Amino acid sequence: MKVLLIVRLLAYLQYSQISRFPFAMIGCFSPSLWRCICVNCESMTDENTALELTEIVFPEHANHYGTLFGGNALMLMSKAAFLCARAFAKADVVMARCGDAQFLAPVPVGSVLRLRGSISRVGRSSLTVCVSGTAQQLGREPRAVLRSWFEMVAVDGNGRPARIPGAYLHREKEEA
């Protein structure tokens, strides 16, 4: 079932307008949600919309084990997703969904946490932001510790979904 679903999705991407972008969204069916694996997320993101957020983990961010509390990790990842999406959409955005949050390794107090947000999909009013995080302790190499994706929606002054300027669905209309 999974293989058939991936083949159908890739065939759709090949013949749709989405294929004009050098990225892939590979889906695996789960009863509760679609899992998104962002492949080559940086390809849709330029230097104006890629974002790197750097934080240091203080004791007030930690759990009783002396490592970054999961809720604080999600808050920091959502902040990176928000800033990345807002820069790309050039409008206010809200989070519609967070998916497949992965806590790959503990982040001890005193570590420098770097979160990188990048756009992997753009629709009429929504976009998907992939966020990955690395942690580095003094004298050690950085290591991957966090990963998730966020579905963000551009909104107008009334909080209603708004069109993202320059979204690929509207380029033909704007050029005409």
Foldseek 3Di string as FASTA:
>chain_A
DLVVVQVVQVVCCVPDPVVVFPWDWRWGDDPVDTDTDTDPLCRVPDPQQKDKDKDAAAQVQDDPVQFGDPVVVVVVQVVNQQSSVCRQLVAHKDFDDKDDKDFADTHHHGKMKMKIWGWRDDDQFKTKIKIWIWIDHPPDDIDTGIIIMIIMGGADPVRHGHGRPPTSVCPVVVVD
